[in-house]
Structures are given as C-alpha cells and as structure tokens.
C-alpha cells in the first residue's frame, strides 16, 4: 500500500493534486528535521502548530503520516495544551528492542 502525504477529500485536477502532494511532503520533511534537531524530546501537536504556523488539520496530518511511516512514535506522556487539557506527544521513533540490543543501546 502506498502512503500519500496529501489526502484528497474533494476531487481536484491532477496538477493541483500534485502541488498539494509536494507541499504536504515538504511539511513532513520540515517536521521530521525539527524532531531530528531535538532528539529525545517529545512535542505535542499544538507545539508543532506554533513552531511552523500550521493549521490544526495540517499538524495533525503531518504527525499521523510520520507516525504511519514509523518515523515518529506517540509517547505515553501527556502535555498540557493552551486550553488546559492533557494532550498526546510524539518523538522520533526508537529502534525496536531487538535492534537496540544488537546496537548495544
């Protein structure tokens, strides 16, 4: 199954879909670079929104796509949102326990 960064909800001409796909992929690259620049840290969706000035839907899609690609993983930790609610956080994916053992991590 091929994962697409852009999820079409309204039929668009191919050239527009391709532009949306490129923009979505660029957003994934930017967010992944941000997580790589902050190894070991976890960030909430709201923090990603604020850092990149993304709308909520965009930040949610980027986090969901990178999680599906196994680049990020959702932590069990919770942050407090600006609304005072507990919200999930994400971090760079860690290697599986088998890989960690082989690498001596």
PDB file of N, CA and C in Angstrom:
ATOM      1  N   UNK A   1       0.841  -1.176   0.000  1.00  0.00           N
ATOM      2  CA  UNK A   1       0.000   0.000   0.000  1.00  0.00           C
ATOM      3  C   UNK A   1       0.889   1.244   0.000  1.00  0.00           C
ATOM      4  N   UNK A   2       0.601   2.185  -0.864  1.00  0.00           N
ATOM      5  CA  UNK A   2       1.354   3.424  -0.946  1.00  0.00           C
ATOM      6  C   UNK A   2       0.714   4.473  -0.054  1.00  0.00           C
ATOM      7  N   UNK A   3       1.550   5.101   0.777  1.00  0.00           N
ATOM      8  CA  UNK A   3       1.065   6.183   1.619  1.00  0.00           C
ATOM      9  C   UNK A   3       1.270   7.499   0.895  1.00  0.00           C
ATOM     10  N   UNK A   4       0.247   8.309   0.868  1.00  0.00           N
ATOM     11  CA  UNK A   4       0.340   9.622   0.237  1.00  0.00           C
ATOM     12  C   UNK A   4       0.286  10.679   1.324  1.00  0.00           C
ATOM     13  N   UNK A   5       1.098  11.720   1.154  1.00  0.00           N
ATOM     14  CA  UNK A   5       1.127  12.794   2.129  1.00  0.00           C
ATOM     15  C   UNK A   5      -0.134  13.644   2.065  1.00  0.00           C
ATOM     16  N   UNK A   6      -0.649  13.833   0.869  1.00  0.00           N
ATOM     17  CA  UNK A   6      -1.865  14.632   0.700  1.00  0.00           C
ATOM     18  C   UNK A   6      -3.051  13.688   0.575  1.00  0.00           C
ATOM     19  N   UNK A   7      -4.085  13.961   1.355  1.00  0.00           N
ATOM     20  CA  UNK A   7      -5.293  13.127   1.340  1.00  0.00           C
ATOM     21  C   UNK A   7      -6.417  13.921   0.685  1.00  0.00           C
ATOM     22  N   UNK A   8      -6.732  13.573  -0.541  1.00  0.00           N
ATOM     23  CA  UNK A   8      -7.741  14.304  -1.301  1.00  0.00           C
ATOM     24  C   UNK A   8      -9.134  14.029  -0.757  1.00  0.00           C
ATOM     25  N   UNK A   9      -9.854  15.084  -0.427  1.00  0.00           N
ATOM     26  CA  UNK A   9     -11.233  14.946   0.036  1.00  0.00           C
ATOM     27  C   UNK A   9     -12.219  15.525  -0.967  1.00  0.00           C
ATOM     28  N   UNK A  10     -11.715  16.391  -1.852  1.00  0.00           N
ATOM     29  CA  UNK A  10     -12.535  16.996  -2.904  1.00  0.00           C
ATOM     30  C   UNK A  10     -11.793  16.776  -4.215  1.00  0.00           C
ATOM     31  N   UNK A  11     -12.452  16.233  -5.221  1.00  0.00           N
ATOM     32  CA  UNK A  11     -11.759  15.994  -6.494  1.00  0.00           C
ATOM     33  C   UNK A  11     -11.149  17.287  -7.056  1.00  0.00           C
ATOM     34  N   UNK A  12      -9.862  17.208  -7.393  1.00  0.00           N
ATOM     35  CA  UNK A  12      -9.134  18.343  -7.946  1.00  0.00           C
ATOM     36  C   UNK A  12      -8.424  17.895  -9.219  1.00  0.00           C
ATOM     37  N   UNK A  13      -8.133  18.840 -10.115  1.00  0.00           N
ATOM     38  CA  UNK A  13      -7.335  18.491 -11.295  1.00  0.00           C
ATOM     39  C   UNK A  13      -5.972  17.940 -10.874  1.00  0.00           C
ATOM     40  N   UNK A  14      -5.414  17.086 -11.687  1.00  0.00           N
ATOM     41  CA  UNK A  14      -4.156  16.414 -11.364  1.00  0.00           C
ATOM     42  C   UNK A  14      -3.046  17.389 -11.002  1.00  0.00           C
ATOM     43  N   UNK A  15      -2.905  18.472 -11.726  1.00  0.00           N
ATOM     44  CA  UNK A  15      -1.824  19.426 -11.472  1.00  0.00           C
ATOM     45  C   UNK A  15      -1.971  20.045 -10.070  1.00  0.00           C
ATOM     46  N   UNK A  16      -3.176  20.298  -9.638  1.00  0.00           N
ATOM     47  CA  UNK A  16      -3.400  20.852  -8.296  1.00  0.00           C
ATOM     48  C   UNK A  16      -3.115  19.793  -7.245  1.00  0.00           C
ATOM     49  N   UNK A  17      -3.572  18.558  -7.484  1.00  0.00           N
ATOM     50  CA  UNK A  17      -3.287  17.458  -6.543  1.00  0.00           C
ATOM     51  C   UNK A  17      -1.783  17.272  -6.362  1.00  0.00           C
ATOM     52  N   UNK A  18      -1.044  17.340  -7.461  1.00  0.00           N
ATOM     53  CA  UNK A  18       0.403  17.165  -7.397  1.00  0.00           C
ATOM     54  C   UNK A  18       1.061  18.289  -6.596  1.00  0.00           C
ATOM     55  N   UNK A  19       0.576  19.512  -6.764  1.00  0.00           N
ATOM     56  CA  UNK A  19       1.109  20.644  -5.994  1.00  0.00           C
ATOM     57  C   UNK A  19       0.815  20.458  -4.505  1.00  0.00           C
ATOM     58  N   UNK A  20      -0.396  20.017  -4.183  1.00  0.00           N
ATOM     59  CA  UNK A  20      -0.761  19.756  -2.786  1.00  0.00           C
ATOM     60  C   UNK A  20       0.107  18.639  -2.205  1.00  0.00           C
ATOM     61  N   UNK A  21       0.353  17.615  -3.007  1.00  0.00           N
ATOM     62  CA  UNK A  21       1.185  16.491  -2.561  1.00  0.00           C
ATOM     63  C   UNK A  21       2.610  16.973  -2.263  1.00  0.00           C
ATOM     64  N   UNK A  22       3.165  17.812  -3.125  1.00  0.00           N
ATOM     65  CA  UNK A  22       4.519  18.344  -2.904  1.00  0.00           C
ATOM     66  C   UNK A  22       4.569  19.177  -1.627  1.00  0.00           C
ATOM     67  N   UNK A  23       3.557  20.009  -1.417  1.00  0.00           N
ATOM     68  CA  UNK A  23       3.524  20.846  -0.218  1.00  0.00           C
ATOM     69  C   UNK A  23       3.418  19.982   1.035  1.00  0.00           C
ATOM     70  N   UNK A  24       2.571  18.969   0.996  1.00  0.00           N
ATOM     71  CA  UNK A  24       2.412  18.079   2.150  1.00  0.00           C
ATOM     72  C   UNK A  24       3.719  17.342   2.439  1.00  0.00           C
ATOM     73  N   UNK A  25       4.403  16.881   1.403  1.00  0.00           N
ATOM     74  CA  UNK A  25       5.674  16.175   1.585  1.00  0.00           C
ATOM     75  C   UNK A  25       6.717  17.112   2.170  1.00  0.00           C
ATOM     76  N   UNK A  26       6.744  18.355   1.709  1.00  0.00           N
ATOM     77  CA  UNK A  26       7.675  19.350   2.250  1.00  0.00           C
ATOM     78  C   UNK A  26       7.413  19.582   3.730  1.00  0.00           C
ATOM     79  N   UNK A  27       6.144  19.644   4.112  1.00  0.00           N
ATOM     80  CA  UNK A  27       5.801  19.820   5.527  1.00  0.00           C
ATOM     81  C   UNK A  27       6.304  18.637   6.356  1.00  0.00           C
ATOM     82  N   UNK A  28       6.168  17.426   5.835  1.00  0.00           N
ATOM     83  CA  UNK A  28       6.669  16.252   6.550  1.00  0.00           C
ATOM     84  C   UNK A  28       8.180  16.333   6.729  1.00  0.00           C
ATOM     85  N   UNK A  29       8.887  16.750   5.688  1.00  0.00           N
ATOM     86  CA  UNK A  29      10.339  16.863   5.743  1.00  0.00           C
ATOM     87  C   UNK A  29      10.750  17.898   6.800  1.00  0.00           C
ATOM     88  N   UNK A  30      10.050  19.030   6.823  1.00  0.00           N
ATOM     89  CA  UNK A  30      10.353  20.080   7.801  1.00  0.00           C
ATOM     90  C   UNK A  30      10.136  19.600   9.230  1.00  0.00           C
ATOM     91  N   UNK A  31       9.020  18.939   9.467  1.00  0.00           N
ATOM     92  CA  UNK A  31       8.707  18.478  10.822  1.00  0.00           C
ATOM     93  C   UNK A  31       9.680  17.379  11.249  1.00  0.00           C
ATOM     94  N   UNK A  32       9.993  16.475  10.353  1.00  0.00           N
ATOM     95  CA  UNK A  32      10.932  15.407  10.692  1.00  0.00           C
ATOM     96  C   UNK A  32      12.314  16.002  10.997  1.00  0.00           C
ATOM     97  N   UNK A  33      12.739  16.994  10.245  1.00  0.00           N
ATOM     98  CA  UNK A  33      14.019  17.659  10.519  1.00  0.00           C
ATOM     99  C   UNK A  33      13.995  18.324  11.895  1.00  0.00           C
ATOM    100  N   UNK A  34      12.862  18.909  12.265  1.00  0.00           N
ATOM    101  CA  UNK A  34      12.713  19.532  13.577  1.00  0.00           C
ATOM    102  C   UNK A  34      12.879  18.488  14.678  1.00  0.00           C
ATOM    103  N   UNK A  35      12.215  17.346  14.543  1.00  0.00           N
ATOM    104  CA  UNK A  35      12.344  16.290  15.548  1.00  0.00           C
ATOM    105  C   UNK A  35      13.788  15.786  15.602  1.00  0.00           C
ATOM    106  N   UNK A  36      14.431  15.656  14.466  1.00  0.00           N
ATOM    107  CA  UNK A  36      15.827  15.182  14.437  1.00  0.00           C
ATOM    108  C   UNK A  36      16.770  16.192  15.079  1.00  0.00           C
ATOM    109  N   UNK A  37      16.431  17.473  14.995  1.00  0.00           N
ATOM    110  CA  UNK A  37      17.243  18.521  15.628  1.00  0.00           C
ATOM    111  C   UNK A  37      17.061  18.544  17.139  1.00  0.00           C
ATOM    112  N   UNK A  38      16.031  17.856  17.626  1.00  0.00           N
ATOM    113  CA  UNK A  38      15.730  17.804  19.069  1.00  0.00           C
ATOM    114  C   UNK A  38      15.569  16.345  19.509  1.00  0.00           C
ATOM    115  N   UNK A  39      16.617  15.541  19.351  1.00  0.00           N
ATOM    116  CA  UNK A  39      16.486  14.123  19.700  1.00  0.00           C
ATOM    117  C   UNK A  39      16.176  13.940  21.182  1.00  0.00           C
ATOM    118  N   UNK A  40      15.338  12.968  21.453  1.00  0.00           N
ATOM    119  CA  UNK A  40      14.985  12.684  22.841  1.00  0.00           C
ATOM    120  C   UNK A  40      13.865  13.547  23.390  1.00  0.00           C
ATOM    121  N   UNK A  41      13.470  14.579  22.665  1.00  0.00           N
ATOM    122  CA  UNK A  41      12.383  15.445  23.132  1.00  0.00           C
ATOM    123  C   UNK A  41      11.074  15.036  22.481  1.00  0.00           C
ATOM    124  N   UNK A  42      10.011  15.224  23.223  1.00  0.00           N
ATOM    125  CA  UNK A  42       8.668  14.949  22.706  1.00  0.00           C
ATOM    126  C   UNK A  42       7.939  16.272  22.545  1.00  0.00           C
ATOM    127  N   UNK A  43       7.084  16.346  21.517  1.00  0.00           N
ATOM    128  CA  UNK A  43       6.341  17.564  21.226  1.00  0.00           C
ATOM    129  C   UNK A  43       4.877  17.231  20.990  1.00  0.00           C
ATOM    130  N   UNK A  44       4.016  18.140  21.399  1.00  0.00           N
ATOM    131  CA  UNK A  44       2.576  17.978  21.168  1.00  0.00           C
ATOM    132  C   UNK A  44       2.216  18.542  19.795  1.00  0.00           C
ATOM    133  N   UNK A  45       1.017  18.206  19.343  1.00  0.00           N
ATOM    134  CA  UNK A  45       0.520  18.755  18.081  1.00  0.00           C
ATOM    135  C   UNK A  45       0.489  20.268  18.154  1.00  0.00           C
ATOM    136  N   UNK A  46       0.063  20.795  19.274  1.00  0.00           N
ATOM    137  CA  UNK A  46      -0.036  22.244  19.438  1.00  0.00           C
ATOM    138  C   UNK A  46       1.341  22.915  19.320  1.00  0.00           C
ATOM    139  N   UNK A  47       2.377  22.258  19.823  1.00  0.00           N
ATOM    140  CA  UNK A  47       3.734  22.810  19.703  1.00  0.00           C
ATOM    141  C   UNK A  47       4.191  22.813  18.248  1.00  0.00           C
ATOM    142  N   UNK A  48       3.812  21.783  17.501  1.00  0.00           N
ATOM    143  CA  UNK A  48       4.159  21.733  16.074  1.00  0.00           C
ATOM    144  C   UNK A  48       3.409  22.835  15.331  1.00  0.00           C
ATOM    145  N   UNK A  49       2.142  23.023  15.658  1.00  0.00           N
ATOM    146  CA  UNK A  49       1.362  24.114  15.050  1.00  0.00           C
ATOM    147  C   UNK A  49       2.055  25.451  15.273  1.00  0.00           C
ATOM    148  N   UNK A  50       2.452  25.715  16.508  1.00  0.00           N
ATOM    149  CA  UNK A  50       3.057  27.003  16.854  1.00  0.00           C
ATOM    150  C   UNK A  50       4.422  27.176  16.196  1.00  0.00           C
ATOM    151  N   UNK A  51       5.214  26.128  16.171  1.00  0.00           N
ATOM    152  CA  UNK A  51       6.557  26.207  15.604  1.00  0.00           C
ATOM    153  C   UNK A  51       6.526  26.509  14.115  1.00  0.00           C
ATOM    154  N   UNK A  52       5.587  25.885  13.397  1.00  0.00           N
ATOM    155  CA  UNK A  52       5.553  26.018  11.942  1.00  0.00           C
ATOM    156  C   UNK A  52       4.404  26.893  11.435  1.00  0.00           C
ATOM    157  N   UNK A  53       3.609  27.429  12.329  1.00  0.00           N
ATOM    158  CA  UNK A  53       2.429  28.220  11.953  1.00  0.00           C
ATOM    159  C   UNK A  53       1.495  27.414  11.050  1.00  0.00           C
ATOM    160  N   UNK A  54       1.327  26.129  11.376  1.00  0.00           N
ATOM    161  CA  UNK A  54       0.426  25.252  10.636  1.00  0.00           C
ATOM    162  C   UNK A  54      -0.962  25.295  11.248  1.00  0.00           C
ATOM    163  N   UNK A  55      -1.997  25.153  10.435  1.00  0.00           N
ATOM    164  CA  UNK A  55      -3.343  24.965  10.987  1.00  0.00           C
ATOM    165  C   UNK A  55      -3.402  23.608  11.704  1.00  0.00           C
ATOM    166  N   UNK A  56      -4.366  23.436  12.571  1.00  0.00           N
ATOM    167  CA  UNK A  56      -4.519  22.205  13.341  1.00  0.00           C
ATOM    168  C   UNK A  56      -4.565  20.978  12.437  1.00  0.00           C
ATOM    169  N   UNK A  57      -5.350  21.045  11.364  1.00  0.00           N
ATOM    170  CA  UNK A  57      -5.502  19.890  10.485  1.00  0.00           C
ATOM    171  C   UNK A  57      -4.173  19.499   9.838  1.00  0.00           C
ATOM    172  N   UNK A  58      -3.377  20.484   9.475  1.00  0.00           N
ATOM    173  CA  UNK A  58      -2.095  20.201   8.844  1.00  0.00           C
ATOM    174  C   UNK A  58      -1.151  19.526   9.831  1.00  0.00           C
ATOM    175  N   UNK A  59      -1.042  20.077  11.037  1.00  0.00           N
ATOM    176  CA  UNK A  59      -0.170  19.479  12.051  1.00  0.00           C
ATOM    177  C   UNK A  59      -0.621  18.056  12.371  1.00  0.00           C
ATOM    178  N   UNK A  60      -1.922  17.845  12.484  1.00  0.00           N
ATOM    179  CA  UNK A  60      -2.442  16.503  12.764  1.00  0.00           C
ATOM    180  C   UNK A  60      -2.094  15.537  11.641  1.00  0.00           C
ATOM    181  N   UNK A  61      -2.263  15.975  10.393  1.00  0.00           N
ATOM    182  CA  UNK A  61      -1.959  15.113   9.261  1.00  0.00           C
ATOM    183  C   UNK A  61      -0.481  14.766   9.192  1.00  0.00           C
ATOM    184  N   UNK A  62       0.375  15.756   9.408  1.00  0.00           N
ATOM    185  CA  UNK A  62       1.817  15.508   9.360  1.00  0.00           C
ATOM    186  C   UNK A  62       2.214  14.503  10.439  1.00  0.00           C
ATOM    187  N   UNK A  63       1.729  14.687  11.655  1.00  0.00           N
ATOM    188  CA  UNK A  63       2.066  13.758  12.734  1.00  0.00           C
ATOM    189  C   UNK A  63       1.523  12.360  12.453  1.00  0.00           C
ATOM    190  N   UNK A  64       0.312  12.278  11.943  1.00  0.00           N
ATOM    191  CA  UNK A  64      -0.277  10.968  11.624  1.00  0.00           C
ATOM    192  C   UNK A  64       0.506  10.281  10.508  1.00  0.00           C
ATOM    193  N   UNK A  65       0.869  11.035   9.478  1.00  0.00           N
ATOM    194  CA  UNK A  65       1.610  10.443   8.360  1.00  0.00           C
ATOM    195  C   UNK A  65       2.999   9.977   8.794  1.00  0.00           C
ATOM    196  N   UNK A  66       3.706  10.798   9.559  1.00  0.00           N
ATOM    197  CA  UNK A  66       5.043  10.408  10.006  1.00  0.00           C
ATOM    198  C   UNK A  66       4.976   9.236  10.988  1.00  0.00           C
ATOM    199  N   UNK A  67       3.906   9.147  11.744  1.00  0.00           N
ATOM    200  CA  UNK A  67       3.717   8.003  12.638  1.00  0.00           C
ATOM    201  C   UNK A  67       3.450   6.747  11.816  1.00  0.00           C
ATOM    202  N   UNK A  68       2.612   6.855  10.794  1.00  0.00           N
ATOM    203  CA  UNK A  68       2.323   5.708   9.926  1.00  0.00           C
ATOM    204  C   UNK A  68       3.573   5.243   9.177  1.00  0.00           C
ATOM    205  N   UNK A  69       4.474   6.174   8.890  1.00  0.00           N
ATOM    206  CA  UNK A  69       5.726   5.839   8.209  1.00  0.00           C
ATOM    207  C   UNK A  69       6.787   5.332   9.184  1.00  0.00           C
ATOM    208  N   UNK A  70       6.434   5.266  10.463  1.00  0.00           N
ATOM    209  CA  UNK A  70       7.310   4.806  11.544  1.00  0.00           C
ATOM    210  C   UNK A  70       8.499   5.737  11.789  1.00  0.00           C
ATOM    211  N   UNK A  71       8.400   6.979  11.343  1.00  0.00           N
ATOM    212  CA  UNK A  71       9.447   7.963  11.597  1.00  0.00           C
ATOM    213  C   UNK A  71       9.271   8.575  12.987  1.00  0.00           C
ATOM    214  N   UNK A  72       8.017   8.712  13.412  1.00  0.00           N
ATOM    215  CA  UNK A  72       7.693   9.224  14.746  1.00  0.00           C
ATOM    216  C   UNK A  72       6.891   8.172  15.482  1.00  0.00           C
ATOM    217  N   UNK A  73       6.880   8.304  16.803  1.00  0.00           N
ATOM    218  CA  UNK A  73       6.019   7.443  17.606  1.00  0.00           C
ATOM    219  C   UNK A  73       5.341   8.290  18.667  1.00  0.00           C
ATOM    220  N   UNK A  74       4.122   7.926  18.975  1.00  0.00           N
ATOM    221  CA  UNK A  74       3.386   8.617  20.017  1.00  0.00           C
ATOM    222  C   UNK A  74       3.900   8.111  21.357  1.00  0.00           C
ATOM    223  N   UNK A  75       4.151   9.032  22.265  1.00  0.00           N
ATOM    224  CA  UNK A  75       4.638   8.637  23.580  1.00  0.00           C
ATOM    225  C   UNK A  75       3.446   8.409  24.500  1.00  0.00           C
ATOM    226  N   UNK A  76       3.703   7.858  25.649  1.00  0.00           N
ATOM    227  CA  UNK A  76       2.650   7.719  26.651  1.00  0.00           C
ATOM    228  C   UNK A  76       2.542   8.969  27.501  1.00  0.00           C
ATOM    229  N   UNK A  77       3.446   9.912  27.272  1.00  0.00           N
ATOM    230  CA  UNK A  77       3.470  11.143  28.058  1.00  0.00           C
ATOM    231  C   UNK A  77       2.415  12.122  27.558  1.00  0.00           C
ATOM    232  N   UNK A  78       1.952  12.936  28.459  1.00  0.00           N
ATOM    233  CA  UNK A  78       0.952  13.950  28.115  1.00  0.00           C
ATOM    234  C   UNK A  78       1.509  15.332  28.416  1.00  0.00           C
ATOM    235  N   UNK A  79       1.155  16.279  27.574  1.00  0.00           N
ATOM    236  CA  UNK A  79       1.470  17.692  27.792  1.00  0.00           C
ATOM    237  C   UNK A  79       0.155  18.395  28.107  1.00  0.00           C
ATOM    238  N   UNK A  80       0.250  19.590  28.608  1.00  0.00           N
ATOM    239  CA  UNK A  80      -0.958  20.377  28.874  1.00  0.00           C
ATOM    240  C   UNK A  80      -1.091  21.401  27.763  1.00  0.00           C
ATOM    241  N   UNK A  81      -2.238  21.382  27.097  1.00  0.00           N
ATOM    242  CA  UNK A  81      -2.461  22.298  25.972  1.00  0.00           C
ATOM    243  C   UNK A  81      -2.764  23.701  26.478  1.00  0.00           C
ATOM    244  N   UNK A  82      -2.856  24.628  25.552  1.00  0.00           N
ATOM    245  CA  UNK A  82      -3.194  26.011  25.908  1.00  0.00           C
ATOM    246  C   UNK A  82      -4.615  26.118  26.464  1.00  0.00           C
ATOM    247  N   UNK A  83      -5.415  25.059  26.261  1.00  0.00           N
ATOM    248  CA  UNK A  83      -6.774  25.027  26.804  1.00  0.00           C
ATOM    249  C   UNK A  83      -6.817  24.324  28.152  1.00  0.00           C
ATOM    250  N   UNK A  84      -5.634  23.938  28.662  1.00  0.00           N
ATOM    251  CA  UNK A  84      -5.573  23.271  29.951  1.00  0.00           C
ATOM    252  C   UNK A  84      -5.912  21.786  29.892  1.00  0.00           C
ATOM    253  N   UNK A  85      -6.023  21.241  28.697  1.00  0.00           N
ATOM    254  CA  UNK A  85      -6.340  19.816  28.520  1.00  0.00           C
ATOM    255  C   UNK A  85      -5.059  19.016  28.326  1.00  0.00           C
ATOM    256  N   UNK A  86      -5.100  17.766  28.742  1.00  0.00           N
ATOM    257  CA  UNK A  86      -3.969  16.873  28.513  1.00  0.00           C
ATOM    258  C   UNK A  86      -3.992  16.431  27.050  1.00  0.00           C
ATOM    259  N   UNK A  87      -2.825  16.446  26.429  1.00  0.00           N
ATOM    260  CA  UNK A  87      -2.751  16.045  25.020  1.00  0.00           C
ATOM    261  C   UNK A  87      -1.519  15.171  24.796  1.00  0.00           C
ATOM    262  N   UNK A  88      -1.583  14.365  23.751  1.00  0.00           N
ATOM    263  CA  UNK A  88      -0.508  13.447  23.435  1.00  0.00           C
ATOM    264  C   UNK A  88       0.726  14.142  22.902  1.00  0.00           C
ATOM    265  N   UNK A  89       1.841  13.411  22.957  1.00  0.00           N
ATOM    266  CA  UNK A  89       3.098  13.918  22.427  1.00  0.00           C
ATOM    267  C   UNK A  89       3.737  12.864  21.532  1.00  0.00           C
ATOM    268  N   UNK A  90       4.622  13.326  20.643  1.00  0.00           N
ATOM    269  CA  UNK A  90       5.330  12.462  19.704  1.00  0.00           C
ATOM    270  C   UNK A  90       6.820  12.689  19.850  1.00  0.00           C
ATOM    271  N   UNK A  91       7.592  11.686  19.475  1.00  0.00           N
ATOM    272  CA  UNK A  91       9.056  11.782  19.436  1.00  0.00           C
ATOM    273  C   UNK A  91       9.549  10.960  18.248  1.00  0.00           C
ATOM    274  N   UNK A  92      10.829  11.105  17.957  1.00  0.00           N
ATOM    275  CA  UNK A  92      11.422  10.259  16.926  1.00  0.00           C
ATOM    276  C   UNK A  92      11.253   8.804  17.330  1.00  0.00           C
ATOM    277  N   UNK A  93      10.989   7.954  16.370  1.00  0.00           N
ATOM    278  CA  UNK A  93      10.854   6.530  16.668  1.00  0.00           C
ATOM    279  C   UNK A  93      12.181   5.983  17.157  1.00  0.00           C
ATOM    280  N   UNK A  94      12.068   5.086  18.090  1.00  0.00           N
ATOM    281  CA  UNK A  94      13.251   4.409  18.595  1.00  0.00           C
ATOM    282  C   UNK A  94      13.341   3.049  17.923  1.00  0.00           C
ATOM    283  N   UNK A  95      14.548   2.539  17.765  1.00  0.00           N
ATOM    284  CA  UNK A  95      14.669   1.203  17.183  1.00  0.00           C
ATOM    285  C   UNK A  95      13.964   0.173  18.065  1.00  0.00           C
ATOM    286  N   UNK A  96      13.551  -0.906  17.464  1.00  0.00           N
ATOM    287  CA  UNK A  96      12.897  -1.979  18.209  1.00  0.00           C
ATOM    288  C   UNK A  96      13.855  -2.513  19.271  1.00  0.00           C
ATOM    289  N   UNK A  97      13.329  -3.187  20.302  1.00  0.00           N
ATOM    290  CA  UNK A  97      14.207  -3.745  21.340  1.00  0.00           C
ATOM    291  C   UNK A  97      15.285  -4.673  20.774  1.00  0.00           C
ATOM    292  N   UNK A  98      14.965  -5.417  19.735  1.00  0.00           N
ATOM    293  CA  UNK A  98      15.952  -6.320  19.118  1.00  0.00           C
ATOM    294  C   UNK A  98      17.083  -5.517  18.500  1.00  0.00           C
ATOM    295  N   UNK A  99      16.738  -4.462  17.776  1.00  0.00           N
ATOM    296  CA  UNK A  99      17.766  -3.618  17.149  1.00  0.00           C
ATOM    297  C   UNK A  99      18.570  -2.911  18.224  1.00  0.00           C
ATOM    298  N   UNK A 100      17.903  -2.400  19.274  1.00  0.00           N
ATOM    299  CA  UNK A 100      18.609  -1.745  20.361  1.00  0.00           C
ATOM    300  C   UNK A 100      19.625  -2.689  21.002  1.00  0.00           C
ATOM    301  N   UNK A 101      19.223  -3.931  21.216  1.00  0.00           N
ATOM    302  CA  UNK A 101      20.125  -4.920  21.818  1.00  0.00           C
ATOM    303  C   UNK A 101      21.336  -5.159  20.920  1.00  0.00           C
ATOM    304  N   UNK A 102      21.088  -5.305  19.639  1.00  0.00           N
ATOM    305  CA  UNK A 102      22.192  -5.546  18.693  1.00  0.00           C
ATOM    306  C   UNK A 102      23.147  -4.355  18.625  1.00  0.00           C
ATOM    307  N   UNK A 103      22.598  -3.148  18.793  1.00  0.00           N
ATOM    308  CA  UNK A 103      23.437  -1.946  18.741  1.00  0.00           C
ATOM    309  C   UNK A 103      24.041  -1.613  20.095  1.00  0.00           C
ATOM    310  N   UNK A 104      23.626  -2.343  21.127  1.00  0.00           N
ATOM    311  CA  UNK A 104      24.145  -2.075  22.470  1.00  0.00           C
ATOM    312  C   UNK A 104      23.581  -0.810  23.076  1.00  0.00           C
ATOM    313  N   UNK A 105      22.345  -0.480  22.713  1.00  0.00           N
ATOM    314  CA  UNK A 105      21.708   0.740  23.243  1.00  0.00           C
ATOM    315  C   UNK A 105      20.987   0.473  24.547  1.00  0.00           C
TER     316      UNK A 105
END
